[in-house]
């Protein structure tokens, strides 16, 4: 993906001046529906930040997109004007910067079940598109011996999730995603902090959706409290090494959190907000056989009804 042509839309120099640290430098450009745009604010010895007002009314903030340089990539569903406010991360810092805006080529398509190899060449990463059917669950892996892998996923609504060291070993990266409806997501395979070079393997694995357990429960009086004072319920599930568990917790009463522990009690995974609002969704690969525990709790000290569902 990174080897394809890019079209530069804007390249302007600016200065962060003393005396007006709270007045950002504003730049505007127009986009068309379907365009994929990359924006980078490159500081000359300055750690940069940006706020962007997007055509759909969303406000977006970033301070570290490519190393210490702020930026983002977005595929726009509708035409309109993007306004970028560039500023130093530290108020009052002075220096110069360059705002670069360019249109990126379409992301390479990777089918669920496939794996591809690639090579980073020092840019912000390579982009891939994954198309799924409603209800499909996938695990996305980025493995490299040459750099600290970093994955970023953006769905059709612009929602973003990312992972640094969630892979199965070392500095590999792993993301889980549940297609609530049929559609396409864009995933960037890059390095932590950007700018690294080296070879990698990018793979997308589809998961089975066989429901093996469902529990309707309530957090409330009489439940145990964790070390932080929050209420929790615990459930047990037997599993074999190499199996994958997909655990969801849904509630209309509170912001859910789910944990899964190994048979020896050590933490295997945690999730607060999956890709469905304040509900939780955690996909974990089991490293050993035995009885694993699933803990259901709330982000705050809340109570209420919930539904726990476990797939294998």
C-alpha atoms as a PDB file:
ATOM      1  CA  UNK A   1       0.000   0.000   0.000  1.00  0.00           C
ATOM      2  CA  UNK A   2       2.793   2.434   0.853  1.00  0.00           C
ATOM      3  CA  UNK A   3       4.382   2.045  -2.586  1.00  0.00           C
ATOM      4  CA  UNK A   4       1.349   3.448  -4.435  1.00  0.00           C
ATOM      5  CA  UNK A   5       1.222   7.069  -5.558  1.00  0.00           C
ATOM      6  CA  UNK A   6       0.096   9.799  -3.185  1.00  0.00           C
ATOM      7  CA  UNK A   7      -1.323  13.164  -4.210  1.00  0.00           C
ATOM      8  CA  UNK A   8      -0.279  16.197  -2.209  1.00  0.00           C
ATOM      9  CA  UNK A   9      -3.131  18.610  -1.488  1.00  0.00           C
ATOM     10  CA  UNK A  10      -1.425  21.103   0.810  1.00  0.00           C
ATOM     11  CA  UNK A  11       2.113  21.818   2.000  1.00  0.00           C
ATOM     12  CA  UNK A  12       2.403  25.004   4.024  1.00  0.00           C
ATOM     13  CA  UNK A  13       4.916  26.308   6.545  1.00  0.00           C
ATOM     14  CA  UNK A  14       3.917  28.057   9.743  1.00  0.00           C
ATOM     15  CA  UNK A  15       5.369  29.383  12.979  1.00  0.00           C
ATOM     16  CA  UNK A  16       4.351  28.999  16.592  1.00  0.00           C
ATOM     17  CA  UNK A  17       5.073  32.478  17.931  1.00  0.00           C
ATOM     18  CA  UNK A  18       5.664  33.694  21.467  1.00  0.00           C
ATOM     19  CA  UNK A  19       2.995  35.843  23.045  1.00  0.00           C
ATOM     20  CA  UNK A  20      -0.011  33.987  21.629  1.00  0.00           C
ATOM     21  CA  UNK A  21       0.332  30.393  22.891  1.00  0.00           C
ATOM     22  CA  UNK A  22      -3.408  29.788  22.988  1.00  0.00           C
ATOM     23  CA  UNK A  23      -4.188  30.928  19.465  1.00  0.00           C
ATOM     24  CA  UNK A  24      -3.730  27.976  17.112  1.00  0.00           C
ATOM     25  CA  UNK A  25      -2.708  28.309  13.491  1.00  0.00           C
ATOM     26  CA  UNK A  26      -5.778  27.455  11.379  1.00  0.00           C
ATOM     27  CA  UNK A  27      -5.713  25.811   7.954  1.00  0.00           C
ATOM     28  CA  UNK A  28      -8.649  24.629   5.830  1.00  0.00           C
ATOM     29  CA  UNK A  29      -9.019  22.354   2.817  1.00  0.00           C
ATOM     30  CA  UNK A  30     -11.874  20.651   0.983  1.00  0.00           C
ATOM     31  CA  UNK A  31     -12.405  16.903   0.625  1.00  0.00           C
ATOM     32  CA  UNK A  32     -14.626  14.791  -1.597  1.00  0.00           C
ATOM     33  CA  UNK A  33     -16.727  11.802  -0.591  1.00  0.00           C
ATOM     34  CA  UNK A  34     -14.652   8.621  -0.667  1.00  0.00           C
ATOM     35  CA  UNK A  35     -11.265  10.347  -0.391  1.00  0.00           C
ATOM     36  CA  UNK A  36      -8.704   9.019   2.078  1.00  0.00           C
ATOM     37  CA  UNK A  37      -6.673  11.902   3.470  1.00  0.00           C
ATOM     38  CA  UNK A  38      -3.528  11.948   5.595  1.00  0.00           C
ATOM     39  CA  UNK A  39      -2.732  15.057   7.644  1.00  0.00           C
ATOM     40  CA  UNK A  40       0.613  15.583   9.408  1.00  0.00           C
ATOM     41  CA  UNK A  41       1.867  18.593  11.360  1.00  0.00           C
ATOM     42  CA  UNK A  42       5.656  18.202  11.248  1.00  0.00           C
ATOM     43  CA  UNK A  43       7.430  20.248  13.895  1.00  0.00           C
ATOM     44  CA  UNK A  44      10.979  21.545  13.530  1.00  0.00           C
ATOM     45  CA  UNK A  45      12.143  20.555  17.004  1.00  0.00           C
ATOM     46  CA  UNK A  46       8.606  21.118  18.324  1.00  0.00           C
ATOM     47  CA  UNK A  47       6.246  18.438  19.653  1.00  0.00           C
ATOM     48  CA  UNK A  48       3.047  19.255  17.766  1.00  0.00           C
ATOM     49  CA  UNK A  49      -0.676  18.784  18.420  1.00  0.00           C
ATOM     50  CA  UNK A  50      -3.781  19.372  16.322  1.00  0.00           C
ATOM     51  CA  UNK A  51      -7.516  19.737  16.526  1.00  0.00           C
ATOM     52  CA  UNK A  52      -9.534  19.028  13.395  1.00  0.00           C
ATOM     53  CA  UNK A  53     -13.139  19.863  12.627  1.00  0.00           C
ATOM     54  CA  UNK A  54     -14.410  17.282  10.127  1.00  0.00           C
ATOM     55  CA  UNK A  55     -17.268  17.606   7.615  1.00  0.00           C
ATOM     56  CA  UNK A  56     -19.551  15.350   9.677  1.00  0.00           C
ATOM     57  CA  UNK A  57     -19.254  17.691  12.669  1.00  0.00           C
ATOM     58  CA  UNK A  58     -16.749  15.531  14.549  1.00  0.00           C
ATOM     59  CA  UNK A  59     -13.913  17.182  16.448  1.00  0.00           C
ATOM     60  CA  UNK A  60     -10.698  15.161  16.385  1.00  0.00           C
ATOM     61  CA  UNK A  61      -7.560  15.639  18.527  1.00  0.00           C
ATOM     62  CA  UNK A  62      -4.110  14.086  18.148  1.00  0.00           C
ATOM     63  CA  UNK A  63      -0.597  14.812  19.415  1.00  0.00           C
ATOM     64  CA  UNK A  64       1.512  11.759  18.456  1.00  0.00           C
ATOM     65  CA  UNK A  65       0.730  10.291  15.024  1.00  0.00           C
ATOM     66  CA  UNK A  66       4.190   9.959  13.465  1.00  0.00           C
ATOM     67  CA  UNK A  67       6.689  10.103  16.305  1.00  0.00           C
ATOM     68  CA  UNK A  68       6.119  13.450  18.039  1.00  0.00           C
ATOM     69  CA  UNK A  69       4.317  14.857  14.992  1.00  0.00           C
ATOM     70  CA  UNK A  70       0.527  15.140  15.184  1.00  0.00           C
ATOM     71  CA  UNK A  71      -1.702  13.827  12.411  1.00  0.00           C
ATOM     72  CA  UNK A  72      -4.381  11.382  11.309  1.00  0.00           C
ATOM     73  CA  UNK A  73      -5.742   9.370   8.376  1.00  0.00           C
ATOM     74  CA  UNK A  74      -9.449   9.433   7.576  1.00  0.00           C
ATOM     75  CA  UNK A  75     -11.652   8.197   4.729  1.00  0.00           C
ATOM     76  CA  UNK A  76     -14.462  10.726   4.358  1.00  0.00           C
ATOM     77  CA  UNK A  77     -18.005   9.520   3.759  1.00  0.00           C
ATOM     78  CA  UNK A  78     -19.169  12.937   2.610  1.00  0.00           C
ATOM     79  CA  UNK A  79     -17.710  16.014   0.961  1.00  0.00           C
ATOM     80  CA  UNK A  80     -16.975  19.159   2.913  1.00  0.00           C
ATOM     81  CA  UNK A  81     -14.308  21.322   4.514  1.00  0.00           C
ATOM     82  CA  UNK A  82     -11.731  20.176   7.058  1.00  0.00           C
ATOM     83  CA  UNK A  83     -10.329  22.811   9.418  1.00  0.00           C
ATOM     84  CA  UNK A  84      -7.032  21.949  11.122  1.00  0.00           C
ATOM     85  CA  UNK A  85      -5.781  23.919  14.117  1.00  0.00           C
ATOM     86  CA  UNK A  86      -2.034  23.334  14.575  1.00  0.00           C
ATOM     87  CA  UNK A  87      -0.349  24.120  17.885  1.00  0.00           C
ATOM     88  CA  UNK A  88       2.630  23.137  20.027  1.00  0.00           C
ATOM     89  CA  UNK A  89       1.841  20.395  22.552  1.00  0.00           C
ATOM     90  CA  UNK A  90       3.328  22.509  25.344  1.00  0.00           C
ATOM     91  CA  UNK A  91       1.652  25.899  25.667  1.00  0.00           C
ATOM     92  CA  UNK A  92       4.045  28.756  24.948  1.00  0.00           C
ATOM     93  CA  UNK A  93       6.596  26.679  23.033  1.00  0.00           C
ATOM     94  CA  UNK A  94       7.854  28.377  19.882  1.00  0.00           C
ATOM     95  CA  UNK A  95       9.210  27.091  16.589  1.00  0.00           C
ATOM     96  CA  UNK A  96       8.271  26.317  13.025  1.00  0.00           C
ATOM     97  CA  UNK A  97       6.181  23.568  11.485  1.00  0.00           C
ATOM     98  CA  UNK A  98       4.975  22.233   8.144  1.00  0.00           C
ATOM     99  CA  UNK A  99       1.416  21.094   7.532  1.00  0.00           C
ATOM    100  CA  UNK A 100       1.265  18.319   4.923  1.00  0.00           C
ATOM    101  CA  UNK A 101      -2.085  17.140   3.537  1.00  0.00           C
ATOM    102  CA  UNK A 102      -2.185  14.387   0.929  1.00  0.00           C
ATOM    103  CA  UNK A 103      -4.649  11.983  -0.612  1.00  0.00           C
ATOM    104  CA  UNK A 104      -3.718   8.345  -0.104  1.00  0.00           C
ATOM    105  CA  UNK A 105      -4.410   5.575  -2.606  1.00  0.00           C
ATOM    106  CA  UNK A 106      -7.043   2.948  -1.818  1.00  0.00           C
ATOM    107  CA  UNK A 107      -6.030   0.510   0.888  1.00  0.00           C
ATOM    108  CA  UNK A 108      -5.038  -2.996  -0.156  1.00  0.00           C
ATOM    109  CA  UNK A 109      -7.761  -5.597   0.387  1.00  0.00           C
ATOM    110  CA  UNK A 110      -7.117  -8.573   2.655  1.00  0.00           C
ATOM    111  CA  UNK A 111      -9.719 -11.313   2.935  1.00  0.00           C
ATOM    112  CA  UNK A 112     -10.626 -12.888   6.258  1.00  0.00           C
ATOM    113  CA  UNK A 113      -8.444 -15.977   6.612  1.00  0.00           C
ATOM    114  CA  UNK A 114      -5.534 -14.539   4.621  1.00  0.00           C
ATOM    115  CA  UNK A 115      -2.060 -13.357   5.613  1.00  0.00           C
ATOM    116  CA  UNK A 116       0.257 -11.002   3.723  1.00  0.00           C
ATOM    117  CA  UNK A 117       3.861  -9.944   4.177  1.00  0.00           C
ATOM    118  CA  UNK A 118       5.047  -6.392   3.796  1.00  0.00           C
ATOM    119  CA  UNK A 119       7.830  -3.988   4.592  1.00  0.00           C
ATOM    120  CA  UNK A 120       7.626  -0.623   6.330  1.00  0.00           C
ATOM    121  CA  UNK A 121       9.836   2.016   4.758  1.00  0.00           C
ATOM    122  CA  UNK A 122       9.811   4.660   7.461  1.00  0.00           C
ATOM    123  CA  UNK A 123       6.375   6.169   6.843  1.00  0.00           C
ATOM    124  CA  UNK A 124       3.253   6.112   8.965  1.00  0.00           C
ATOM    125  CA  UNK A 125       2.309   2.555   7.986  1.00  0.00           C
ATOM    126  CA  UNK A 126       0.575   0.412   5.361  1.00  0.00           C
ATOM    127  CA  UNK A 127      -3.206   0.398   5.049  1.00  0.00           C
ATOM    128  CA  UNK A 128      -5.462  -2.618   4.522  1.00  0.00           C
ATOM    129  CA  UNK A 129      -9.212  -3.035   4.093  1.00  0.00           C
ATOM    130  CA  UNK A 130     -11.148  -5.933   5.606  1.00  0.00           C
ATOM    131  CA  UNK A 131     -14.758  -6.651   4.626  1.00  0.00           C
ATOM    132  CA  UNK A 132     -16.988  -8.728   6.865  1.00  0.00           C
ATOM    133  CA  UNK A 133     -20.554  -9.931   7.141  1.00  0.00           C
ATOM    134  CA  UNK A 134     -22.893  -9.029   9.969  1.00  0.00           C
ATOM    135  CA  UNK A 135     -21.979 -11.031  13.074  1.00  0.00           C
ATOM    136  CA  UNK A 136     -18.451 -11.983  11.982  1.00  0.00           C
ATOM    137  CA  UNK A 137     -15.676 -11.765  14.549  1.00  0.00           C
ATOM    138  CA  UNK A 138     -12.034 -11.451  13.545  1.00  0.00           C
ATOM    139  CA  UNK A 139      -8.595 -11.280  15.114  1.00  0.00           C
ATOM    140  CA  UNK A 140      -6.044  -9.095  13.313  1.00  0.00           C
ATOM    141  CA  UNK A 141      -2.354  -9.767  13.968  1.00  0.00           C
ATOM    142  CA  UNK A 142       0.733  -7.756  13.079  1.00  0.00           C
ATOM    143  CA  UNK A 143       4.029  -9.551  13.727  1.00  0.00           C
ATOM    144  CA  UNK A 144       7.557  -8.283  13.215  1.00  0.00           C
ATOM    145  CA  UNK A 145      11.077  -9.008  14.432  1.00  0.00           C
ATOM    146  CA  UNK A 146      12.266  -5.611  13.180  1.00  0.00           C
ATOM    147  CA  UNK A 147      10.049  -3.082  15.001  1.00  0.00           C
ATOM    148  CA  UNK A 148       7.462  -2.608  17.737  1.00  0.00           C
ATOM    149  CA  UNK A 149       4.215  -3.377  15.896  1.00  0.00           C
ATOM    150  CA  UNK A 150       1.217  -1.041  16.202  1.00  0.00           C
ATOM    151  CA  UNK A 151      -2.278  -1.554  14.739  1.00  0.00           C
ATOM    152  CA  UNK A 152      -4.987   1.054  14.222  1.00  0.00           C
ATOM    153  CA  UNK A 153      -8.493   0.202  12.997  1.00  0.00           C
ATOM    154  CA  UNK A 154     -11.049   2.745  11.768  1.00  0.00           C
ATOM    155  CA  UNK A 155     -14.599   1.670  10.967  1.00  0.00           C
ATOM    156  CA  UNK A 156     -17.041   3.211   8.505  1.00  0.00           C
ATOM    157  CA  UNK A 157     -18.294   5.659  11.160  1.00  0.00           C
ATOM    158  CA  UNK A 158     -14.809   6.913  11.965  1.00  0.00           C
ATOM    159  CA  UNK A 159     -14.555   5.065  15.301  1.00  0.00           C
ATOM    160  CA  UNK A 160     -10.948   4.138  16.050  1.00  0.00           C
ATOM    161  CA  UNK A 161      -9.336   1.401  18.128  1.00  0.00           C
ATOM    162  CA  UNK A 162      -5.638   0.608  18.406  1.00  0.00           C
ATOM    163  CA  UNK A 163      -3.210  -1.834  19.998  1.00  0.00           C
ATOM    164  CA  UNK A 164       0.492  -1.862  20.796  1.00  0.00           C
ATOM    165  CA  UNK A 165       1.588  -5.074  22.542  1.00  0.00           C
ATOM    166  CA  UNK A 166      -1.572  -7.203  22.546  1.00  0.00           C
ATOM    167  CA  UNK A 167      -0.048  -9.928  20.362  1.00  0.00           C
ATOM    168  CA  UNK A 168       1.036 -13.385  21.383  1.00  0.00           C
ATOM    169  CA  UNK A 169       4.698 -12.575  22.004  1.00  0.00           C
ATOM    170  CA  UNK A 170       7.192  -9.738  22.337  1.00  0.00           C
ATOM    171  CA  UNK A 171       6.187  -6.496  20.651  1.00  0.00           C
ATOM    172  CA  UNK A 172       3.593  -7.966  18.300  1.00  0.00           C
ATOM    173  CA  UNK A 173       0.177  -6.328  18.020  1.00  0.00           C
ATOM    174  CA  UNK A 174      -3.333  -7.791  17.979  1.00  0.00           C
ATOM    175  CA  UNK A 175      -6.806  -6.327  17.521  1.00  0.00           C
ATOM    176  CA  UNK A 176     -10.210  -7.936  17.795  1.00  0.00           C
ATOM    177  CA  UNK A 177     -13.236  -6.720  15.876  1.00  0.00           C
ATOM    178  CA  UNK A 178     -16.901  -7.691  15.709  1.00  0.00           C
ATOM    179  CA  UNK A 179     -18.801  -6.699  12.575  1.00  0.00           C
ATOM    180  CA  UNK A 180     -22.151  -5.647  14.006  1.00  0.00           C
ATOM    181  CA  UNK A 181     -23.317  -5.163  10.436  1.00  0.00           C
ATOM    182  CA  UNK A 182     -21.857  -5.947   7.041  1.00  0.00           C
ATOM    183  CA  UNK A 183     -19.187  -3.467   6.055  1.00  0.00           C
ATOM    184  CA  UNK A 184     -15.524  -2.611   5.603  1.00  0.00           C
ATOM    185  CA  UNK A 185     -12.911  -1.418   8.097  1.00  0.00           C
ATOM    186  CA  UNK A 186      -9.499   0.083   7.375  1.00  0.00           C
ATOM    187  CA  UNK A 187      -6.488  -1.114   9.367  1.00  0.00           C
ATOM    188  CA  UNK A 188      -3.085   0.565   9.424  1.00  0.00           C
ATOM    189  CA  UNK A 189      -0.102  -1.715  10.032  1.00  0.00           C
ATOM    190  CA  UNK A 190       2.621   0.478  11.487  1.00  0.00           C
ATOM    191  CA  UNK A 191       5.172   0.863  14.239  1.00  0.00           C
ATOM    192  CA  UNK A 192       4.831   2.401  17.686  1.00  0.00           C
ATOM    193  CA  UNK A 193       5.632   6.086  17.260  1.00  0.00           C
ATOM    194  CA  UNK A 194       5.933   5.706  13.471  1.00  0.00           C
ATOM    195  CA  UNK A 195       9.000   6.003  11.299  1.00  0.00           C
ATOM    196  CA  UNK A 196      10.400   2.479  11.730  1.00  0.00           C
ATOM    197  CA  UNK A 197      11.502   0.190   8.924  1.00  0.00           C
ATOM    198  CA  UNK A 198      11.417  -3.565   8.557  1.00  0.00           C
ATOM    199  CA  UNK A 199       9.472  -6.611   7.484  1.00  0.00           C
ATOM    200  CA  UNK A 200       6.179  -7.807   8.943  1.00  0.00           C
ATOM    201  CA  UNK A 201       3.336 -10.287   8.589  1.00  0.00           C
ATOM    202  CA  UNK A 202      -0.260  -9.055   8.637  1.00  0.00           C
ATOM    203  CA  UNK A 203      -3.035 -11.628   9.076  1.00  0.00           C
ATOM    204  CA  UNK A 204      -6.798 -11.724   9.608  1.00  0.00           C
ATOM    205  CA  UNK A 205      -8.358 -14.758  11.274  1.00  0.00           C
ATOM    206  CA  UNK A 206     -12.088 -15.396  11.345  1.00  0.00           C
ATOM    207  CA  UNK A 207     -13.539 -16.782  14.564  1.00  0.00           C
ATOM    208  CA  UNK A 208     -16.301 -19.297  15.076  1.00  0.00           C
ATOM    209  CA  UNK A 209     -19.464 -17.925  16.649  1.00  0.00           C
ATOM    210  CA  UNK A 210     -20.715 -20.991  18.551  1.00  0.00           C
ATOM    211  CA  UNK A 211     -22.346 -19.810  21.750  1.00  0.00           C
ATOM    212  CA  UNK A 212     -21.280 -22.018  24.660  1.00  0.00           C
ATOM    213  CA  UNK A 213     -22.722 -20.080  27.608  1.00  0.00           C
ATOM    214  CA  UNK A 214     -25.045 -17.209  28.450  1.00  0.00           C
ATOM    215  CA  UNK A 215     -25.796 -15.778  31.883  1.00  0.00           C
ATOM    216  CA  UNK A 216     -28.267 -13.073  32.895  1.00  0.00           C
ATOM    217  CA  UNK A 217     -26.928 -11.503  36.057  1.00  0.00           C
ATOM    218  CA  UNK A 218     -27.195  -8.503  38.339  1.00  0.00           C
ATOM    219  CA  UNK A 219     -24.539  -6.462  40.080  1.00  0.00           C
ATOM    220  CA  UNK A 220     -26.019  -5.428  43.402  1.00  0.00           C
ATOM    221  CA  UNK A 221     -26.303  -5.907  47.118  1.00  0.00           C
ATOM    222  CA  UNK A 222     -24.709  -9.115  48.324  1.00  0.00           C
ATOM    223  CA  UNK A 223     -22.119  -9.348  45.553  1.00  0.00           C
ATOM    224  CA  UNK A 224     -18.430  -9.426  46.367  1.00  0.00           C
ATOM    225  CA  UNK A 225     -16.321  -6.300  46.070  1.00  0.00           C
ATOM    226  CA  UNK A 226     -12.886  -6.138  44.444  1.00  0.00           C
ATOM    227  CA  UNK A 227      -9.796  -4.463  45.927  1.00  0.00           C
ATOM    228  CA  UNK A 228     -10.993  -1.125  44.509  1.00  0.00           C
ATOM    229  CA  UNK A 229     -14.388  -1.497  46.165  1.00  0.00           C
ATOM    230  CA  UNK A 230     -16.351  -2.227  42.968  1.00  0.00           C
ATOM    231  CA  UNK A 231     -18.977  -4.957  42.780  1.00  0.00           C
ATOM    232  CA  UNK A 232     -18.204  -8.019  40.663  1.00  0.00           C
ATOM    233  CA  UNK A 233     -19.554 -11.419  39.647  1.00  0.00           C
ATOM    234  CA  UNK A 234     -17.391 -14.342  38.586  1.00  0.00           C
ATOM    235  CA  UNK A 235     -18.078 -17.282  36.238  1.00  0.00           C
ATOM    236  CA  UNK A 236     -16.020 -20.318  35.240  1.00  0.00           C
ATOM    237  CA  UNK A 237     -15.393 -21.723  31.769  1.00  0.00           C
ATOM    238  CA  UNK A 238     -13.278 -24.741  30.801  1.00  0.00           C
ATOM    239  CA  UNK A 239     -10.965 -24.358  27.834  1.00  0.00           C
ATOM    240  CA  UNK A 240      -8.112 -26.013  25.999  1.00  0.00           C
ATOM    241  CA  UNK A 241      -4.780 -24.453  25.103  1.00  0.00           C
ATOM    242  CA  UNK A 242      -5.009 -22.854  21.668  1.00  0.00           C
ATOM    243  CA  UNK A 243      -8.764 -22.240  21.822  1.00  0.00           C
ATOM    244  CA  UNK A 244     -10.167 -18.741  21.375  1.00  0.00           C
ATOM    245  CA  UNK A 245     -12.855 -17.322  23.660  1.00  0.00           C
ATOM    246  CA  UNK A 246     -15.053 -14.392  22.689  1.00  0.00           C
ATOM    247  CA  UNK A 247     -16.744 -12.842  25.713  1.00  0.00           C
ATOM    248  CA  UNK A 248     -19.363 -10.071  25.606  1.00  0.00           C
ATOM    249  CA  UNK A 249     -21.062  -8.246  28.472  1.00  0.00           C
ATOM    250  CA  UNK A 250     -24.064  -6.060  27.639  1.00  0.00           C
ATOM    251  CA  UNK A 251     -26.013  -3.799  29.990  1.00  0.00           C
ATOM    252  CA  UNK A 252     -28.477  -0.919  29.761  1.00  0.00           C
ATOM    253  CA  UNK A 253     -27.760   0.011  33.393  1.00  0.00           C
ATOM    254  CA  UNK A 254     -23.991   0.561  33.619  1.00  0.00           C
ATOM    255  CA  UNK A 255     -20.698   0.796  31.705  1.00  0.00           C
ATOM    256  CA  UNK A 256     -19.455  -2.807  31.752  1.00  0.00           C
ATOM    257  CA  UNK A 257     -15.928  -4.194  32.207  1.00  0.00           C
ATOM    258  CA  UNK A 258     -14.912  -7.826  31.678  1.00  0.00           C
ATOM    259  CA  UNK A 259     -11.782  -9.708  32.739  1.00  0.00           C
ATOM    260  CA  UNK A 260     -10.639 -13.239  31.889  1.00  0.00           C
ATOM    261  CA  UNK A 261      -8.040 -14.980  34.059  1.00  0.00           C
ATOM    262  CA  UNK A 262      -5.799 -17.980  33.460  1.00  0.00           C
ATOM    263  CA  UNK A 263      -6.265 -21.158  35.541  1.00  0.00           C
ATOM    264  CA  UNK A 264      -3.498 -19.944  37.895  1.00  0.00           C
ATOM    265  CA  UNK A 265      -5.344 -16.681  38.514  1.00  0.00           C
ATOM    266  CA  UNK A 266      -3.151 -14.373  36.432  1.00  0.00           C
ATOM    267  CA  UNK A 267      -4.886 -11.910  34.146  1.00  0.00           C
ATOM    268  CA  UNK A 268      -5.346 -13.006  30.521  1.00  0.00           C
ATOM    269  CA  UNK A 269      -7.294 -10.040  29.195  1.00  0.00           C
ATOM    270  CA  UNK A 270      -9.492  -7.027  30.003  1.00  0.00           C
ATOM    271  CA  UNK A 271     -11.958  -4.917  28.038  1.00  0.00           C
ATOM    272  CA  UNK A 272     -13.983  -1.866  28.932  1.00  0.00           C
ATOM    273  CA  UNK A 273     -15.645  -0.650  25.723  1.00  0.00           C
ATOM    274  CA  UNK A 274     -15.728  -2.996  22.750  1.00  0.00           C
ATOM    275  CA  UNK A 275     -16.824  -1.727  19.351  1.00  0.00           C
ATOM    276  CA  UNK A 276     -20.406  -1.245  20.598  1.00  0.00           C
ATOM    277  CA  UNK A 277     -20.698   1.736  22.936  1.00  0.00           C
ATOM    278  CA  UNK A 278     -20.198   1.035  26.643  1.00  0.00           C
ATOM    279  CA  UNK A 279     -20.661  -2.733  26.341  1.00  0.00           C
ATOM    280  CA  UNK A 280     -17.600  -4.952  26.671  1.00  0.00           C
ATOM    281  CA  UNK A 281     -16.187  -7.476  24.231  1.00  0.00           C
ATOM    282  CA  UNK A 282     -12.996  -9.445  24.794  1.00  0.00           C
ATOM    283  CA  UNK A 283     -11.427 -12.037  22.496  1.00  0.00           C
ATOM    284  CA  UNK A 284      -8.589 -14.052  24.016  1.00  0.00           C
ATOM    285  CA  UNK A 285      -6.537 -17.057  22.950  1.00  0.00           C
ATOM    286  CA  UNK A 286      -6.006 -19.559  25.759  1.00  0.00           C
ATOM    287  CA  UNK A 287      -2.404 -20.432  26.566  1.00  0.00           C
ATOM    288  CA  UNK A 288      -3.128 -23.407  28.822  1.00  0.00           C
ATOM    289  CA  UNK A 289      -5.861 -25.957  29.426  1.00  0.00           C
ATOM    290  CA  UNK A 290      -8.046 -25.754  32.509  1.00  0.00           C
ATOM    291  CA  UNK A 291     -10.736 -23.728  34.191  1.00  0.00           C
ATOM    292  CA  UNK A 292     -10.645 -20.039  33.389  1.00  0.00           C
ATOM    293  CA  UNK A 293     -12.592 -17.353  35.262  1.00  0.00           C
ATOM    294  CA  UNK A 294     -14.634 -14.542  33.757  1.00  0.00           C
ATOM    295  CA  UNK A 295     -15.171 -11.468  35.954  1.00  0.00           C
ATOM    296  CA  UNK A 296     -17.979  -8.983  35.297  1.00  0.00           C
ATOM    297  CA  UNK A 297     -17.803  -5.550  36.901  1.00  0.00           C
ATOM    298  CA  UNK A 298     -18.604  -1.884  36.220  1.00  0.00           C
ATOM    299  CA  UNK A 299     -16.278   0.913  35.176  1.00  0.00           C
ATOM    300  CA  UNK A 300     -17.623   3.029  38.041  1.00  0.00           C
ATOM    301  CA  UNK A 301     -19.166   1.885  41.297  1.00  0.00           C
ATOM    302  CA  UNK A 302     -22.488   1.125  39.594  1.00  0.00           C
ATOM    303  CA  UNK A 303     -25.016  -1.690  39.747  1.00  0.00           C
ATOM    304  CA  UNK A 304     -27.715  -3.174  37.527  1.00  0.00           C
ATOM    305  CA  UNK A 305     -28.617  -6.010  35.185  1.00  0.00           C
ATOM    306  CA  UNK A 306     -26.356  -7.448  32.483  1.00  0.00           C
ATOM    307  CA  UNK A 307     -26.030 -10.347  30.039  1.00  0.00           C
ATOM    308  CA  UNK A 308     -22.784 -12.308  29.716  1.00  0.00           C
ATOM    309  CA  UNK A 309     -22.319 -14.360  26.523  1.00  0.00           C
ATOM    310  CA  UNK A 310     -19.375 -16.629  25.755  1.00  0.00           C
ATOM    311  CA  UNK A 311     -18.496 -17.943  22.277  1.00  0.00           C
ATOM    312  CA  UNK A 312     -15.867 -20.478  21.212  1.00  0.00           C
END
